[in-house]
Amino acid sequence: MQPIGPEEFDAIVEDALDEVPEELMAMLDNVVFLVEDEPPADDPDLLGVYEGVPLTERGDGWGAGALPDRILLFRGPLTRMCADTEELTDEIAVTVVHEIAHHFGIDDDALHDLGWD
């Protein structure tokens, strides 16, 4: 796929987020979705990452002044691995579901067992 600009990528992210079941999105607590151009240099193929405190690890006092958890999507590797916009939209949706699972405390091993790796 040819490189695309930030505005076009953001529009595709919006379309991909619309593909995630509403019931799942409604269960998120204090999460923001962000896009960055590239992942850290030590993991150049990383498609997305969850940064935050999973729901399973939050205590009673967690919410007082807590910043939102973040799900980061990396435009570079996502666009490089996809052949077209349709494939990119699907891959972003899968990446978002994968990172949302981490928000719910589901680790990579469990995701692998469920076929979400």
PDB file of N, CA and C in Angstrom:
ATOM      1  N   MET A   1       0.856  -1.172   0.000  1.00  0.00           N
ATOM      2  CA  MET A   1       0.000   0.000   0.000  1.00  0.00           C
ATOM      3  C   MET A   1       0.898   1.230   0.000  1.00  0.00           C
ATOM      4  N   GLN A   2       0.516   2.218  -0.751  1.00  0.00           N
ATOM      5  CA  GLN A   2       1.251   3.482  -0.776  1.00  0.00           C
ATOM      6  C   GLN A   2       1.099   4.181   0.577  1.00  0.00           C
ATOM      7  N   PRO A   3       2.126   4.898   0.998  1.00  0.00           N
ATOM      8  CA  PRO A   3       1.979   5.664   2.243  1.00  0.00           C
ATOM      9  C   PRO A   3       0.791   6.621   2.149  1.00  0.00           C
ATOM     10  N   ILE A   4       0.096   6.775   3.253  1.00  0.00           N
ATOM     11  CA  ILE A   4      -1.040   7.705   3.283  1.00  0.00           C
ATOM     12  C   ILE A   4      -0.807   8.738   4.374  1.00  0.00           C
ATOM     13  N   GLY A   5      -1.446   9.867   4.226  1.00  0.00           N
ATOM     14  CA  GLY A   5      -1.273  10.950   5.173  1.00  0.00           C
ATOM     15  C   GLY A   5      -2.046  10.735   6.458  1.00  0.00           C
ATOM     16  N   PRO A   6      -1.728  11.537   7.447  1.00  0.00           N
ATOM     17  CA  PRO A   6      -2.387  11.403   8.751  1.00  0.00           C
ATOM     18  C   PRO A   6      -3.906  11.559   8.695  1.00  0.00           C
ATOM     19  N   GLU A   7      -4.400  12.486   7.891  1.00  0.00           N
ATOM     20  CA  GLU A   7      -5.854  12.722   7.838  1.00  0.00           C
ATOM     21  C   GLU A   7      -6.577  11.515   7.260  1.00  0.00           C
ATOM     22  N   GLU A   8      -6.031  10.959   6.167  1.00  0.00           N
ATOM     23  CA  GLU A   8      -6.656   9.789   5.562  1.00  0.00           C
ATOM     24  C   GLU A   8      -6.585   8.589   6.516  1.00  0.00           C
ATOM     25  N   PHE A   9      -5.451   8.416   7.180  1.00  0.00           N
ATOM     26  CA  PHE A   9      -5.309   7.317   8.128  1.00  0.00           C
ATOM     27  C   PHE A   9      -6.307   7.474   9.273  1.00  0.00           C
ATOM     28  N   ASP A  10      -6.457   8.689   9.794  1.00  0.00           N
ATOM     29  CA  ASP A  10      -7.404   8.933  10.890  1.00  0.00           C
ATOM     30  C   ASP A  10      -8.833   8.572  10.470  1.00  0.00           C
ATOM     31  N   ALA A  11      -9.188   8.877   9.220  1.00  0.00           N
ATOM     32  CA  ALA A  11     -10.522   8.530   8.718  1.00  0.00           C
ATOM     33  C   ALA A  11     -10.693   7.012   8.662  1.00  0.00           C
ATOM     34  N   ILE A  12      -9.655   6.297   8.269  1.00  0.00           N
ATOM     35  CA  ILE A  12      -9.712   4.841   8.230  1.00  0.00           C
ATOM     36  C   ILE A  12      -9.812   4.279   9.649  1.00  0.00           C
ATOM     37  N   VAL A  13      -9.109   4.890  10.596  1.00  0.00           N
ATOM     38  CA  VAL A  13      -9.218   4.473  11.998  1.00  0.00           C
ATOM     39  C   VAL A  13     -10.655   4.635  12.479  1.00  0.00           C
ATOM     40  N   GLU A  14     -11.279   5.753  12.144  1.00  0.00           N
ATOM     41  CA  GLU A  14     -12.687   5.964  12.530  1.00  0.00           C
ATOM     42  C   GLU A  14     -13.574   4.865  11.956  1.00  0.00           C
ATOM     43  N   ASP A  15     -13.367   4.509  10.677  1.00  0.00           N
ATOM     44  CA  ASP A  15     -14.143   3.432  10.063  1.00  0.00           C
ATOM     45  C   ASP A  15     -13.896   2.110  10.787  1.00  0.00           C
ATOM     46  N   ALA A  16     -12.633   1.846  11.130  1.00  0.00           N
ATOM     47  CA  ALA A  16     -12.288   0.600  11.823  1.00  0.00           C
ATOM     48  C   ALA A  16     -12.925   0.557  13.210  1.00  0.00           C
ATOM     49  N   LEU A  17     -12.923   1.687  13.918  1.00  0.00           N
ATOM     50  CA  LEU A  17     -13.541   1.717  15.249  1.00  0.00           C
ATOM     51  C   LEU A  17     -15.040   1.457  15.152  1.00  0.00           C
ATOM     52  N   ASP A  18     -15.656   1.868  14.045  1.00  0.00           N
ATOM     53  CA  ASP A  18     -17.077   1.592  13.839  1.00  0.00           C
ATOM     54  C   ASP A  18     -17.345   0.096  13.668  1.00  0.00           C
ATOM     55  N   GLU A  19     -16.323  -0.682  13.266  1.00  0.00           N
ATOM     56  CA  GLU A  19     -16.472  -2.125  13.097  1.00  0.00           C
ATOM     57  C   GLU A  19     -16.389  -2.880  14.423  1.00  0.00           C
ATOM     58  N   VAL A  20     -15.825  -2.250  15.441  1.00  0.00           N
ATOM     59  CA  VAL A  20     -15.721  -2.901  16.754  1.00  0.00           C
ATOM     60  C   VAL A  20     -17.118  -2.901  17.374  1.00  0.00           C
ATOM     61  N   PRO A  21     -17.568  -4.045  17.874  1.00  0.00           N
ATOM     62  CA  PRO A  21     -18.922  -4.110  18.443  1.00  0.00           C
ATOM     63  C   PRO A  21     -19.177  -3.018  19.484  1.00  0.00           C
ATOM     64  N   GLU A  22     -20.347  -2.392  19.381  1.00  0.00           N
ATOM     65  CA  GLU A  22     -20.723  -1.317  20.306  1.00  0.00           C
ATOM     66  C   GLU A  22     -20.676  -1.763  21.757  1.00  0.00           C
ATOM     67  N   GLU A  23     -21.086  -3.013  21.998  1.00  0.00           N
ATOM     68  CA  GLU A  23     -21.108  -3.535  23.369  1.00  0.00           C
ATOM     69  C   GLU A  23     -19.706  -3.536  23.971  1.00  0.00           C
ATOM     70  N   LEU A  24     -18.717  -3.851  23.151  1.00  0.00           N
ATOM     71  CA  LEU A  24     -17.337  -3.864  23.618  1.00  0.00           C
ATOM     72  C   LEU A  24     -16.844  -2.447  23.887  1.00  0.00           C
ATOM     73  N   MET A  25     -17.119  -1.537  22.964  1.00  0.00           N
ATOM     74  CA  MET A  25     -16.690  -0.144  23.138  1.00  0.00           C
ATOM     75  C   MET A  25     -17.346   0.481  24.377  1.00  0.00           C
ATOM     76  N   ALA A  26     -18.586   0.114  24.654  1.00  0.00           N
ATOM     77  CA  ALA A  26     -19.310   0.679  25.796  1.00  0.00           C
ATOM     78  C   ALA A  26     -18.711   0.230  27.126  1.00  0.00           C
ATOM     79  N   MET A  27     -17.983  -0.878  27.120  1.00  0.00           N
ATOM     80  CA  MET A  27     -17.407  -1.401  28.361  1.00  0.00           C
ATOM     81  C   MET A  27     -16.057  -0.772  28.690  1.00  0.00           C
ATOM     82  N   LEU A  28     -15.507   0.027  27.785  1.00  0.00           N
ATOM     83  CA  LEU A  28     -14.222   0.670  28.055  1.00  0.00           C
ATOM     84  C   LEU A  28     -14.388   1.713  29.142  1.00  0.00           C
ATOM     85  N   ASP A  29     -13.374   1.839  29.971  1.00  0.00           N
ATOM     86  CA  ASP A  29     -13.411   2.798  31.064  1.00  0.00           C
ATOM     87  C   ASP A  29     -12.171   3.677  31.009  1.00  0.00           C
ATOM     88  N   ASN A  30     -12.366   4.954  30.640  1.00  0.00           N
ATOM     89  CA  ASN A  30     -11.289   5.941  30.656  1.00  0.00           C
ATOM     90  C   ASN A  30     -10.157   5.563  29.691  1.00  0.00           C
ATOM     91  N   VAL A  31     -10.506   5.375  28.407  1.00  0.00           N
ATOM     92  CA  VAL A  31      -9.545   4.982  27.375  1.00  0.00           C
ATOM     93  C   VAL A  31      -9.631   5.970  26.211  1.00  0.00           C
ATOM     94  N   VAL A  32      -8.464   6.342  25.691  1.00  0.00           N
ATOM     95  CA  VAL A  32      -8.395   7.211  24.522  1.00  0.00           C
ATOM     96  C   VAL A  32      -7.603   6.477  23.440  1.00  0.00           C
ATOM     97  N   PHE A  33      -7.994   6.669  22.184  1.00  0.00           N
ATOM     98  CA  PHE A  33      -7.295   6.084  21.040  1.00  0.00           C
ATOM     99  C   PHE A  33      -6.453   7.174  20.391  1.00  0.00           C
ATOM    100  N   LEU A  34      -5.182   6.868  20.152  1.00  0.00           N
ATOM    101  CA  LEU A  34      -4.264   7.825  19.537  1.00  0.00           C
ATOM    102  C   LEU A  34      -3.501   7.147  18.403  1.00  0.00           C
ATOM    103  N   VAL A  35      -3.028   7.971  17.461  1.00  0.00           N
ATOM    104  CA  VAL A  35      -2.238   7.472  16.342  1.00  0.00           C
ATOM    105  C   VAL A  35      -0.866   8.128  16.390  1.00  0.00           C
ATOM    106  N   GLU A  36       0.154   7.306  16.206  1.00  0.00           N
ATOM    107  CA  GLU A  36       1.517   7.809  16.064  1.00  0.00           C
ATOM    108  C   GLU A  36       2.071   7.269  14.753  1.00  0.00           C
ATOM    109  N   ASP A  37       3.040   7.973  14.192  1.00  0.00           N
ATOM    110  CA  ASP A  37       3.597   7.554  12.910  1.00  0.00           C
ATOM    111  C   ASP A  37       4.317   6.226  12.994  1.00  0.00           C
ATOM    112  N   GLU A  38       5.212   6.071  13.961  1.00  0.00           N
ATOM    113  CA  GLU A  38       6.047   4.880  14.063  1.00  0.00           C
ATOM    114  C   GLU A  38       6.125   4.408  15.515  1.00  0.00           C
ATOM    115  N   PRO A  39       6.315   3.097  15.681  1.00  0.00           N
ATOM    116  CA  PRO A  39       6.497   2.554  17.034  1.00  0.00           C
ATOM    117  C   PRO A  39       7.917   2.829  17.514  1.00  0.00           C
ATOM    118  N   PRO A  40       8.223   2.446  18.749  1.00  0.00           N
ATOM    119  CA  PRO A  40       9.593   2.604  19.248  1.00  0.00           C
ATOM    120  C   PRO A  40      10.586   1.862  18.342  1.00  0.00           C
ATOM    121  N   ALA A  41      11.786   2.397  18.238  1.00  0.00           N
ATOM    122  CA  ALA A  41      12.811   1.836  17.347  1.00  0.00           C
ATOM    123  C   ALA A  41      13.145   0.385  17.688  1.00  0.00           C
ATOM    124  N   ASP A  42      12.996  -0.006  18.945  1.00  0.00           N
ATOM    125  CA  ASP A  42      13.334  -1.378  19.330  1.00  0.00           C
ATOM    126  C   ASP A  42      12.248  -2.395  18.967  1.00  0.00           C
ATOM    127  N   ASP A  43      11.105  -1.928  18.429  1.00  0.00           N
ATOM    128  CA  ASP A  43      10.018  -2.823  18.010  1.00  0.00           C
ATOM    129  C   ASP A  43       9.351  -2.249  16.754  1.00  0.00           C
ATOM    130  N   PRO A  44      10.079  -2.210  15.624  1.00  0.00           N
ATOM    131  CA  PRO A  44       9.612  -1.490  14.439  1.00  0.00           C
ATOM    132  C   PRO A  44       8.372  -2.072  13.768  1.00  0.00           C
ATOM    133  N   ASP A  45       7.997  -3.316  14.087  1.00  0.00           N
ATOM    134  CA  ASP A  45       6.818  -3.931  13.474  1.00  0.00           C
ATOM    135  C   ASP A  45       5.580  -3.864  14.356  1.00  0.00           C
ATOM    136  N   LEU A  46       5.677  -3.198  15.497  1.00  0.00           N
ATOM    137  CA  LEU A  46       4.560  -3.090  16.432  1.00  0.00           C
ATOM    138  C   LEU A  46       3.411  -2.322  15.780  1.00  0.00           C
ATOM    139  N   LEU A  47       2.221  -2.906  15.808  1.00  0.00           N
ATOM    140  CA  LEU A  47       1.050  -2.280  15.183  1.00  0.00           C
ATOM    141  C   LEU A  47       0.289  -1.387  16.151  1.00  0.00           C
ATOM    142  N   GLY A  48       0.261  -1.786  17.412  1.00  0.00           N
ATOM    143  CA  GLY A  48      -0.464  -1.031  18.416  1.00  0.00           C
ATOM    144  C   GLY A  48       0.004  -1.428  19.796  1.00  0.00           C
ATOM    145  N   VAL A  49      -0.364  -0.619  20.770  1.00  0.00           N
ATOM    146  CA  VAL A  49       0.020  -0.920  22.146  1.00  0.00           C
ATOM    147  C   VAL A  49      -1.012  -0.306  23.093  1.00  0.00           C
ATOM    148  N   TYR A  50      -1.248  -1.019  24.188  1.00  0.00           N
ATOM    149  CA  TYR A  50      -2.102  -0.520  25.271  1.00  0.00           C
ATOM    150  C   TYR A  50      -1.198  -0.012  26.371  1.00  0.00           C
ATOM    151  N   GLU A  51      -1.431   1.209  26.797  1.00  0.00           N
ATOM    152  CA  GLU A  51      -0.694   1.795  27.915  1.00  0.00           C
ATOM    153  C   GLU A  51      -1.702   2.213  28.973  1.00  0.00           C
ATOM    154  N   GLY A  52      -1.650   1.555  30.103  1.00  0.00           N
ATOM    155  CA  GLY A  52      -2.580   1.908  31.159  1.00  0.00           C
ATOM    156  C   GLY A  52      -2.642   0.842  32.225  1.00  0.00           C
ATOM    157  N   VAL A  53      -3.677   0.933  33.026  1.00  0.00           N
ATOM    158  CA  VAL A  53      -3.903  -0.012  34.116  1.00  0.00           C
ATOM    159  C   VAL A  53      -5.126  -0.849  33.746  1.00  0.00           C
ATOM    160  N   PRO A  54      -4.938  -2.143  33.499  1.00  0.00           N
ATOM    161  CA  PRO A  54      -6.075  -2.990  33.153  1.00  0.00           C
ATOM    162  C   PRO A  54      -7.154  -2.955  34.230  1.00  0.00           C
ATOM    163  N   LEU A  55      -8.381  -3.145  33.800  1.00  0.00           N
ATOM    164  CA  LEU A  55      -9.504  -3.123  34.740  1.00  0.00           C
ATOM    165  C   LEU A  55      -9.312  -4.122  35.872  1.00  0.00           C
ATOM    166  N   THR A  56      -8.662  -5.244  35.576  1.00  0.00           N
ATOM    167  CA  THR A  56      -8.458  -6.284  36.586  1.00  0.00           C
ATOM    168  C   THR A  56      -7.443  -5.884  37.653  1.00  0.00           C
ATOM    169  N   GLU A  57      -6.710  -4.787  37.436  1.00  0.00           N
ATOM    170  CA  GLU A  57      -5.686  -4.363  38.396  1.00  0.00           C
ATOM    171  C   GLU A  57      -6.020  -3.040  39.084  1.00  0.00           C
ATOM    172  N   ARG A  58      -7.164  -2.488  38.787  1.00  0.00           N
ATOM    173  CA  ARG A  58      -7.542  -1.205  39.380  1.00  0.00           C
ATOM    174  C   ARG A  58      -8.132  -1.418  40.766  1.00  0.00           C
ATOM    175  N   GLY A  59      -7.651  -0.642  41.716  1.00  0.00           N
ATOM    176  CA  GLY A  59      -8.184  -0.694  43.066  1.00  0.00           C
ATOM    177  C   GLY A  59      -9.291   0.329  43.253  1.00  0.00           C
ATOM    178  N   ASP A  60      -9.832   0.392  44.450  1.00  0.00           N
ATOM    179  CA  ASP A  60     -10.936   1.301  44.745  1.00  0.00           C
ATOM    180  C   ASP A  60     -10.572   2.760  44.532  1.00  0.00           C
ATOM    181  N   GLY A  61      -9.335   3.157  44.821  1.00  0.00           N
ATOM    182  CA  GLY A  61      -8.943   4.550  44.687  1.00  0.00           C
ATOM    183  C   GLY A  61      -8.349   4.899  43.336  1.00  0.00           C
ATOM    184  N   TRP A  62      -8.424   3.991  42.391  1.00  0.00           N
ATOM    185  CA  TRP A  62      -7.757   4.191  41.106  1.00  0.00           C
ATOM    186  C   TRP A  62      -8.224   5.438  40.372  1.00  0.00           C
ATOM    187  N   GLY A  63      -9.506   5.710  40.295  1.00  0.00           N
ATOM    188  CA  GLY A  63     -10.045   6.749  39.429  1.00  0.00           C
ATOM    189  C   GLY A  63      -9.753   8.175  39.828  1.00  0.00           C
ATOM    190  N   ALA A  64      -9.328   8.425  41.044  1.00  0.00           N
ATOM    191  CA  ALA A  64      -9.113   9.786  41.513  1.00  0.00           C
ATOM    192  C   ALA A  64      -7.953  10.438  40.767  1.00  0.00           C
ATOM    193  N   GLY A  65      -8.277  11.241  39.786  1.00  0.00           N
ATOM    194  CA  GLY A  65      -7.276  11.988  39.040  1.00  0.00           C
ATOM    195  C   GLY A  65      -6.488  11.188  38.026  1.00  0.00           C
ATOM    196  N   ALA A  66      -6.930   9.988  37.724  1.00  0.00           N
ATOM    197  CA  ALA A  66      -6.194   9.132  36.778  1.00  0.00           C
ATOM    198  C   ALA A  66      -6.344   9.655  35.348  1.00  0.00           C
ATOM    199  N   LEU A  67      -5.231   9.699  34.652  1.00  0.00           N
ATOM    200  CA  LEU A  67      -5.264  10.033  33.230  1.00  0.00           C
ATOM    201  C   LEU A  67      -5.858   8.855  32.469  1.00  0.00           C
ATOM    202  N   PRO A  68      -6.404   9.113  31.281  1.00  0.00           N
ATOM    203  CA  PRO A  68      -6.964   7.995  30.517  1.00  0.00           C
ATOM    204  C   PRO A  68      -5.893   6.986  30.109  1.00  0.00           C
ATOM    205  N   ASP A  69      -6.292   5.731  30.051  1.00  0.00           N
ATOM    206  CA  ASP A  69      -5.448   4.723  29.434  1.00  0.00           C
ATOM    207  C   ASP A  69      -5.364   5.077  27.954  1.00  0.00           C
ATOM    208  N   ARG A  70      -4.306   4.588  27.300  1.00  0.00           N
ATOM    209  CA  ARG A  70      -4.105   4.938  25.889  1.00  0.00           C
ATOM    210  C   ARG A  70      -3.953   3.671  25.054  1.00  0.00           C
ATOM    211  N   ILE A  71      -4.621   3.673  23.922  1.00  0.00           N
ATOM    212  CA  ILE A  71      -4.384   2.667  22.906  1.00  0.00           C
ATOM    213  C   ILE A  71      -3.764   3.404  21.733  1.00  0.00           C
ATOM    214  N   LEU A  72      -2.511   3.062  21.449  1.00  0.00           N
ATOM    215  CA  LEU A  72      -1.769   3.706  20.371  1.00  0.00           C
ATOM    216  C   LEU A  72      -1.767   2.805  19.147  1.00  0.00           C
ATOM    217  N   LEU A  73      -2.030   3.389  17.990  1.00  0.00           N
ATOM    218  CA  LEU A  73      -1.931   2.698  16.711  1.00  0.00           C
ATOM    219  C   LEU A  73      -0.787   3.328  15.936  1.00  0.00           C
ATOM    220  N   PHE A  74       0.011   2.496  15.260  1.00  0.00           N
ATOM    221  CA  PHE A  74       1.184   2.989  14.552  1.00  0.00           C
ATOM    222  C   PHE A  74       0.960   2.922  13.038  1.00  0.00           C
ATOM    223  N   ARG A  75       0.831   4.097  12.444  1.00  0.00           N
ATOM    224  CA  ARG A  75       0.474   4.234  11.030  1.00  0.00           C
ATOM    225  C   ARG A  75       1.477   3.552  10.108  1.00  0.00           C
ATOM    226  N   GLY A  76       2.771   3.724  10.356  1.00  0.00           N
ATOM    227  CA  GLY A  76       3.786   3.180   9.458  1.00  0.00           C
ATOM    228  C   GLY A  76       3.682   1.682   9.257  1.00  0.00           C
ATOM    229  N   PRO A  77       3.825   0.884  10.322  1.00  0.00           N
ATOM    230  CA  PRO A  77       3.768  -0.567  10.132  1.00  0.00           C
ATOM    231  C   PRO A  77       2.407  -1.055   9.641  1.00  0.00           C
ATOM    232  N   LEU A  78       1.335  -0.416  10.080  1.00  0.00           N
ATOM    233  CA  LEU A  78       0.009  -0.838   9.621  1.00  0.00           C
ATOM    234  C   LEU A  78      -0.138  -0.627   8.114  1.00  0.00           C
ATOM    235  N   THR A  79       0.287   0.521   7.611  1.00  0.00           N
ATOM    236  CA  THR A  79       0.135   0.770   6.173  1.00  0.00           C
ATOM    237  C   THR A  79       1.120  -0.068   5.362  1.00  0.00           C
ATOM    238  N   ARG A  80       2.290  -0.335   5.899  1.00  0.00           N
ATOM    239  CA  ARG A  80       3.272  -1.134   5.159  1.00  0.00           C
ATOM    240  C   ARG A  80       2.858  -2.596   5.014  1.00  0.00           C
ATOM    241  N   MET A  81       2.090  -3.118   5.981  1.00  0.00           N
ATOM    242  CA  MET A  81       1.726  -4.531   5.927  1.00  0.00           C
ATOM    243  C   MET A  81       0.449  -4.805   5.136  1.00  0.00           C
ATOM    244  N   CYS A  82      -0.296  -3.760   4.785  1.00  0.00           N
ATOM    245  CA  CYS A  82      -1.593  -3.938   4.124  1.00  0.00           C
ATOM    246  C   CYS A  82      -1.517  -3.557   2.647  1.00  0.00           C
ATOM    247  N   ALA A  83      -2.281  -4.284   1.835  1.00  0.00           N
ATOM    248  CA  ALA A  83      -2.267  -4.069   0.390  1.00  0.00           C
ATOM    249  C   ALA A  83      -3.206  -2.949  -0.049  1.00  0.00           C
ATOM    250  N   ASP A  84      -4.287  -2.717   0.719  1.00  0.00           N
ATOM    251  CA  ASP A  84      -5.263  -1.713   0.307  1.00  0.00           C
ATOM    252  C   ASP A  84      -6.030  -1.192   1.527  1.00  0.00           C
ATOM    253  N   THR A  85      -6.910  -0.251   1.269  1.00  0.00           N
ATOM    254  CA  THR A  85      -7.656   0.393   2.352  1.00  0.00           C
ATOM    255  C   THR A  85      -8.546  -0.591   3.095  1.00  0.00           C
ATOM    256  N   GLU A  86      -9.161  -1.514   2.379  1.00  0.00           N
ATOM    257  CA  GLU A  86     -10.037  -2.492   3.032  1.00  0.00           C
ATOM    258  C   GLU A  86      -9.251  -3.374   4.002  1.00  0.00           C
ATOM    259  N   GLU A  87      -8.101  -3.849   3.557  1.00  0.00           N
ATOM    260  CA  GLU A  87      -7.263  -4.671   4.432  1.00  0.00           C
ATOM    261  C   GLU A  87      -6.764  -3.854   5.627  1.00  0.00           C
ATOM    262  N   LEU A  88      -6.414  -2.587   5.381  1.00  0.00           N
ATOM    263  CA  LEU A  88      -5.953  -1.713   6.461  1.00  0.00           C
ATOM    264  C   LEU A  88      -7.052  -1.510   7.498  1.00  0.00           C
ATOM    265  N   THR A  89      -8.269  -1.266   7.042  1.00  0.00           N
ATOM    266  CA  THR A  89      -9.392  -1.082   7.967  1.00  0.00           C
ATOM    267  C   THR A  89      -9.589  -2.323   8.825  1.00  0.00           C
ATOM    268  N   ASP A  90      -9.537  -3.496   8.201  1.00  0.00           N
ATOM    269  CA  ASP A  90      -9.695  -4.749   8.947  1.00  0.00           C
ATOM    270  C   ASP A  90      -8.559  -4.945   9.953  1.00  0.00           C
ATOM    271  N   GLU A  91      -7.321  -4.668   9.535  1.00  0.00           N
ATOM    272  CA  GLU A  91      -6.167  -4.860  10.419  1.00  0.00           C
ATOM    273  C   GLU A  91      -6.211  -3.892  11.600  1.00  0.00           C
ATOM    274  N   ILE A  92      -6.647  -2.660  11.357  1.00  0.00           N
ATOM    275  CA  ILE A  92      -6.785  -1.701  12.462  1.00  0.00           C
ATOM    276  C   ILE A  92      -7.839  -2.196  13.440  1.00  0.00           C
ATOM    277  N   ALA A  93      -8.967  -2.709  12.938  1.00  0.00           N
ATOM    278  CA  ALA A  93     -10.019  -3.216  13.824  1.00  0.00           C
ATOM    279  C   ALA A  93      -9.502  -4.375  14.666  1.00  0.00           C
ATOM    280  N   VAL A  94      -8.756  -5.290  14.064  1.00  0.00           N
ATOM    281  CA  VAL A  94      -8.191  -6.425  14.807  1.00  0.00           C
ATOM    282  C   VAL A  94      -7.200  -5.918  15.857  1.00  0.00           C
ATOM    283  N   THR A  95      -6.366  -4.951  15.479  1.00  0.00           N
ATOM    284  CA  THR A  95      -5.382  -4.394  16.411  1.00  0.00           C
ATOM    285  C   THR A  95      -6.086  -3.716  17.587  1.00  0.00           C
ATOM    286  N   VAL A  96      -7.145  -2.978  17.303  1.00  0.00           N
ATOM    287  CA  VAL A  96      -7.896  -2.296  18.361  1.00  0.00           C
ATOM    288  C   VAL A  96      -8.502  -3.326  19.319  1.00  0.00           C
ATOM    289  N   VAL A  97      -9.121  -4.379  18.789  1.00  0.00           N
ATOM    290  CA  VAL A  97      -9.709  -5.412  19.652  1.00  0.00           C
ATOM    291  C   VAL A  97      -8.621  -6.062  20.508  1.00  0.00           C
ATOM    292  N   HIS A  98      -7.462  -6.321  19.907  1.00  0.00           N
ATOM    293  CA  HIS A  98      -6.336  -6.903  20.639  1.00  0.00           C
ATOM    294  C   HIS A  98      -5.933  -6.011  21.816  1.00  0.00           C
ATOM    295  N   GLU A  99      -5.809  -4.709  21.560  1.00  0.00           N
ATOM    296  CA  GLU A  99      -5.395  -3.781  22.622  1.00  0.00           C
ATOM    297  C   GLU A  99      -6.500  -3.571  23.647  1.00  0.00           C
ATOM    298  N   ILE A 100      -7.751  -3.579  23.215  1.00  0.00           N
ATOM    299  CA  ILE A 100      -8.872  -3.495  24.159  1.00  0.00           C
ATOM    300  C   ILE A 100      -8.841  -4.691  25.108  1.00  0.00           C
ATOM    301  N   ALA A 101      -8.484  -5.852  24.578  1.00  0.00           N
ATOM    302  CA  ALA A 101      -8.394  -7.049  25.428  1.00  0.00           C
ATOM    303  C   ALA A 101      -7.402  -6.826  26.564  1.00  0.00           C
ATOM    304  N   HIS A 102      -6.289  -6.147  26.278  1.00  0.00           N
ATOM    305  CA  HIS A 102      -5.323  -5.848  27.341  1.00  0.00           C
ATOM    306  C   HIS A 102      -5.954  -4.926  28.393  1.00  0.00           C
ATOM    307  N   HIS A 103      -6.814  -4.013  27.971  1.00  0.00           N
ATOM    308  CA  HIS A 103      -7.528  -3.137  28.910  1.00  0.00           C
ATOM    309  C   HIS A 103      -8.363  -3.969  29.891  1.00  0.00           C
ATOM    310  N   PHE A 104      -8.881  -5.096  29.392  1.00  0.00           N
ATOM    311  CA  PHE A 104      -9.682  -5.987  30.238  1.00  0.00           C
ATOM    312  C   PHE A 104      -8.844  -7.006  30.988  1.00  0.00           C
ATOM    313  N   GLY A 105      -7.501  -6.900  30.877  1.00  0.00           N
ATOM    314  CA  GLY A 105      -6.625  -7.782  31.621  1.00  0.00           C
ATOM    315  C   GLY A 105      -6.308  -9.091  30.918  1.00  0.00           C
ATOM    316  N   ILE A 106      -6.611  -9.202  29.644  1.00  0.00           N
ATOM    317  CA  ILE A 106      -6.321 -10.419  28.881  1.00  0.00           C
ATOM    318  C   ILE A 106      -4.918 -10.279  28.305  1.00  0.00           C
ATOM    319  N   ASP A 107      -4.034 -11.235  28.631  1.00  0.00           N
ATOM    320  CA  ASP A 107      -2.647 -11.131  28.178  1.00  0.00           C
ATOM    321  C   ASP A 107      -2.457 -11.755  26.793  1.00  0.00           C
ATOM    322  N   ASP A 108      -1.248 -11.600  26.249  1.00  0.00           N
ATOM    323  CA  ASP A 108      -0.950 -12.090  24.897  1.00  0.00           C
ATOM    324  C   ASP A 108      -1.107 -13.605  24.788  1.00  0.00           C
ATOM    325  N   ASP A 109      -0.751 -14.356  25.822  1.00  0.00           N
ATOM    326  CA  ASP A 109      -0.898 -15.807  25.764  1.00  0.00           C
ATOM    327  C   ASP A 109      -2.364 -16.194  25.619  1.00  0.00           C
ATOM    328  N   ALA A 110      -3.229 -15.573  26.378  1.00  0.00           N
ATOM    329  CA  ALA A 110      -4.663 -15.869  26.287  1.00  0.00           C
ATOM    330  C   ALA A 110      -5.205 -15.437  24.920  1.00  0.00           C
ATOM    331  N   LEU A 111      -4.755 -14.294  24.425  1.00  0.00           N
ATOM    332  CA  LEU A 111      -5.178 -13.846  23.089  1.00  0.00           C
ATOM    333  C   LEU A 111      -4.728 -14.835  22.017  1.00  0.00           C
ATOM    334  N   HIS A 112      -3.518 -15.356  22.160  1.00  0.00           N
ATOM    335  CA  HIS A 112      -3.021 -16.352  21.227  1.00  0.00           C
ATOM    336  C   HIS A 112      -3.908 -17.599  21.259  1.00  0.00           C
ATOM    337  N   ASP A 113      -4.257 -18.043  22.460  1.00  0.00           N
ATOM    338  CA  ASP A 113      -5.112 -19.217  22.600  1.00  0.00           C
ATOM    339  C   ASP A 113      -6.494 -18.996  21.960  1.00  0.00           C
ATOM    340  N   LEU A 114      -6.930 -17.736  21.964  1.00  0.00           N
ATOM    341  CA  LEU A 114      -8.228 -17.389  21.372  1.00  0.00           C
ATOM    342  C   LEU A 114      -8.138 -17.089  19.876  1.00  0.00           C
ATOM    343  N   GLY A 115      -6.915 -17.101  19.339  1.00  0.00           N
ATOM    344  CA  GLY A 115      -6.721 -16.838  17.914  1.00  0.00           C
ATOM    345  C   GLY A 115      -6.611 -15.374  17.540  1.00  0.00           C
ATOM    346  N   TRP A 116      -6.296 -14.507  18.514  1.00  0.00           N
ATOM    347  CA  TRP A 116      -6.195 -13.061  18.279  1.00  0.00           C
ATOM    348  C   TRP A 116      -4.751 -12.592  18.324  1.00  0.00           C
ATOM    349  N   ASP A 117      -3.842 -13.275  17.690  1.00  0.00           N
ATOM    350  CA  ASP A 117      -2.447 -12.802  17.730  1.00  0.00           C
ATOM    351  C   ASP A 117      -1.992 -12.274  16.406  1.00  0.00           C
TER     352      ASP A 117
END
